[in-house]
Amino acid sequence: MENAAQNFLNGIDVSSYQGTINWSDVANSGVVFAICRASYGITDDTSFSANWSGTKAAKIKRGAYHCNANDSVDLDDLAILAMVRHNHGAWYHGKCRW
């Protein structure tokens, strides 16, 4: 049987909750991609800029997401458009329910 680990890429999801991240150490640990939280509701994630630039500098593939706790579609659309304009990225959009 083929080793199951060979069928997956090692990645992480990061936000301000992880604090300051040493992206060189992360890359050296075998992580090949990171998904960075850009915002929660209408509040920017305070670590997004550092995480976004850190992943690039460490040559880690990156993506970003908006986490929404609001049920208003109009507000969702505004937030997503603002992030896409600002960061020129691909985005996952989903409701966060804790």
C-alpha atoms as a PDB file:
ATOM      1  CA  MET A   1       0.000   0.000   0.000  1.00  0.00           C
ATOM      2  CA  GLU A   2       1.245   3.448  -0.926  1.00  0.00           C
ATOM      3  CA  ASN A   3       2.250   5.722   1.940  1.00  0.00           C
ATOM      4  CA  ALA A   4      -0.771   7.990   2.607  1.00  0.00           C
ATOM      5  CA  ALA A   5       1.486  10.915   3.533  1.00  0.00           C
ATOM      6  CA  GLN A   6       2.684  11.068  -0.071  1.00  0.00           C
ATOM      7  CA  ASN A   7      -0.811  12.082  -1.174  1.00  0.00           C
ATOM      8  CA  PHE A   8      -0.992  15.270   0.895  1.00  0.00           C
ATOM      9  CA  LEU A   9       0.727  18.631   1.098  1.00  0.00           C
ATOM     10  CA  ASN A  10       1.634  19.985   4.514  1.00  0.00           C
ATOM     11  CA  GLY A  11      -0.060  23.336   5.163  1.00  0.00           C
ATOM     12  CA  ILE A  12      -1.250  25.568   7.976  1.00  0.00           C
ATOM     13  CA  ASP A  13      -4.014  28.069   8.722  1.00  0.00           C
ATOM     14  CA  VAL A  14      -2.751  31.176  10.550  1.00  0.00           C
ATOM     15  CA  SER A  15      -4.212  34.291  12.131  1.00  0.00           C
ATOM     16  CA  SER A  16      -3.394  36.754  14.896  1.00  0.00           C
ATOM     17  CA  TYR A  17      -3.981  33.926  17.397  1.00  0.00           C
ATOM     18  CA  GLN A  18      -0.599  32.388  16.481  1.00  0.00           C
ATOM     19  CA  GLY A  19       1.309  35.586  17.320  1.00  0.00           C
ATOM     20  CA  THR A  20       4.600  36.316  15.576  1.00  0.00           C
ATOM     21  CA  ILE A  21       5.612  33.474  13.262  1.00  0.00           C
ATOM     22  CA  ASN A  22       9.155  32.627  12.186  1.00  0.00           C
ATOM     23  CA  TRP A  23       8.360  31.777   8.567  1.00  0.00           C
ATOM     24  CA  SER A  24      11.862  30.436   7.835  1.00  0.00           C
ATOM     25  CA  ASP A  25      11.397  27.861  10.602  1.00  0.00           C
ATOM     26  CA  VAL A  26       7.941  27.026   9.226  1.00  0.00           C
ATOM     27  CA  ALA A  27       9.339  26.473   5.718  1.00  0.00           C
ATOM     28  CA  ASN A  28      12.181  24.351   7.089  1.00  0.00           C
ATOM     29  CA  SER A  29       9.643  22.174   8.935  1.00  0.00           C
ATOM     30  CA  GLY A  30       8.157  21.001   5.631  1.00  0.00           C
ATOM     31  CA  VAL A  31       5.133  23.305   5.415  1.00  0.00           C
ATOM     32  CA  VAL A  32       4.547  24.156   1.749  1.00  0.00           C
ATOM     33  CA  PHE A  33       1.445  26.349   1.985  1.00  0.00           C
ATOM     34  CA  ALA A  34      -0.301  28.654   4.421  1.00  0.00           C
ATOM     35  CA  ILE A  35      -3.808  30.072   4.466  1.00  0.00           C
ATOM     36  CA  CYS A  36      -3.762  33.448   6.210  1.00  0.00           C
ATOM     37  CA  ARG A  37      -6.832  34.988   7.805  1.00  0.00           C
ATOM     38  CA  ALA A  38      -7.250  38.492   6.379  1.00  0.00           C
ATOM     39  CA  SER A  39     -10.210  39.582   8.449  1.00  0.00           C
ATOM     40  CA  TYR A  40     -12.985  38.598  10.777  1.00  0.00           C
ATOM     41  CA  GLY A  41     -16.285  40.338  10.086  1.00  0.00           C
ATOM     42  CA  ILE A  42     -15.332  43.932   9.326  1.00  0.00           C
ATOM     43  CA  THR A  43     -12.136  43.817  11.436  1.00  0.00           C
ATOM     44  CA  ASP A  44      -8.752  43.253   9.794  1.00  0.00           C
ATOM     45  CA  ASP A  45      -6.637  40.463  11.241  1.00  0.00           C
ATOM     46  CA  THR A  46      -3.771  42.320  12.919  1.00  0.00           C
ATOM     47  CA  SER A  47      -1.206  39.729  11.764  1.00  0.00           C
ATOM     48  CA  PHE A  48      -2.312  39.482   8.133  1.00  0.00           C
ATOM     49  CA  SER A  49       0.287  41.852   6.640  1.00  0.00           C
ATOM     50  CA  ALA A  50       3.155  40.197   8.519  1.00  0.00           C
ATOM     51  CA  ASN A  51       1.914  36.694   7.642  1.00  0.00           C
ATOM     52  CA  TRP A  52       1.317  37.595   3.985  1.00  0.00           C
ATOM     53  CA  SER A  53       4.783  39.083   3.500  1.00  0.00           C
ATOM     54  CA  GLY A  54       6.418  36.403   5.675  1.00  0.00           C
ATOM     55  CA  THR A  55       5.022  33.556   3.592  1.00  0.00           C
ATOM     56  CA  LYS A  56       6.226  35.237   0.402  1.00  0.00           C
ATOM     57  CA  ALA A  57       9.719  35.805   1.795  1.00  0.00           C
ATOM     58  CA  ALA A  58       9.912  32.155   2.909  1.00  0.00           C
ATOM     59  CA  LYS A  59       8.692  30.987  -0.530  1.00  0.00           C
ATOM     60  CA  ILE A  60       5.640  29.314   1.001  1.00  0.00           C
ATOM     61  CA  LYS A  61       2.587  29.123  -1.261  1.00  0.00           C
ATOM     62  CA  ARG A  62      -0.113  31.302   0.238  1.00  0.00           C
ATOM     63  CA  GLY A  63      -3.784  32.041   0.230  1.00  0.00           C
ATOM     64  CA  ALA A  64      -6.041  34.245   2.297  1.00  0.00           C
ATOM     65  CA  TYR A  65      -9.528  34.028   3.690  1.00  0.00           C
ATOM     66  CA  HIS A  66     -12.198  36.235   5.179  1.00  0.00           C
ATOM     67  CA  CYS A  67     -13.988  34.840   8.191  1.00  0.00           C
ATOM     68  CA  ASN A  68     -17.474  36.226   8.634  1.00  0.00           C
ATOM     69  CA  ALA A  69     -19.718  36.084  11.651  1.00  0.00           C
ATOM     70  CA  ASN A  70     -22.272  38.400  10.069  1.00  0.00           C
ATOM     71  CA  ASP A  71     -25.427  37.137   8.364  1.00  0.00           C
ATOM     72  CA  SER A  72     -25.676  40.152   6.062  1.00  0.00           C
ATOM     73  CA  VAL A  73     -24.874  39.209   2.464  1.00  0.00           C
ATOM     74  CA  ASP A  74     -24.398  42.862   1.530  1.00  0.00           C
ATOM     75  CA  LEU A  75     -21.720  43.318   4.182  1.00  0.00           C
ATOM     76  CA  ASP A  76     -20.069  40.067   3.088  1.00  0.00           C
ATOM     77  CA  ASP A  77     -19.895  41.259  -0.498  1.00  0.00           C
ATOM     78  CA  LEU A  78     -18.411  44.620   0.492  1.00  0.00           C
ATOM     79  CA  ALA A  79     -15.747  43.024   2.667  1.00  0.00           C
ATOM     80  CA  ILE A  80     -14.734  40.522   0.011  1.00  0.00           C
ATOM     81  CA  LEU A  81     -14.508  43.146  -2.723  1.00  0.00           C
ATOM     82  CA  ALA A  82     -12.369  45.376  -0.518  1.00  0.00           C
ATOM     83  CA  MET A  83      -9.957  42.518   0.251  1.00  0.00           C
ATOM     84  CA  VAL A  84      -9.647  41.430  -3.359  1.00  0.00           C
ATOM     85  CA  ARG A  85      -8.913  44.994  -4.458  1.00  0.00           C
ATOM     86  CA  HIS A  86      -6.350  45.418  -1.686  1.00  0.00           C
ATOM     87  CA  ASN A  87      -4.523  42.097  -1.934  1.00  0.00           C
ATOM     88  CA  HIS A  88      -5.121  40.804  -5.474  1.00  0.00           C
ATOM     89  CA  GLY A  89      -5.556  37.281  -4.166  1.00  0.00           C
ATOM     90  CA  ALA A  90      -7.766  34.250  -4.335  1.00  0.00           C
ATOM     91  CA  TRP A  91     -10.168  34.035  -1.448  1.00  0.00           C
ATOM     92  CA  TYR A  92     -12.132  31.452   0.417  1.00  0.00           C
ATOM     93  CA  HIS A  93     -15.316  32.875   1.856  1.00  0.00           C
ATOM     94  CA  GLY A  94     -17.240  31.074   4.519  1.00  0.00           C
ATOM     95  CA  LYS A  95     -19.182  31.607   7.689  1.00  0.00           C
ATOM     96  CA  CYS A  96     -17.303  31.126  10.948  1.00  0.00           C
ATOM     97  CA  ARG A  97     -19.410  29.538  13.633  1.00  0.00           C
ATOM     98  CA  TRP A  98     -17.865  28.934  17.028  1.00  0.00           C
END
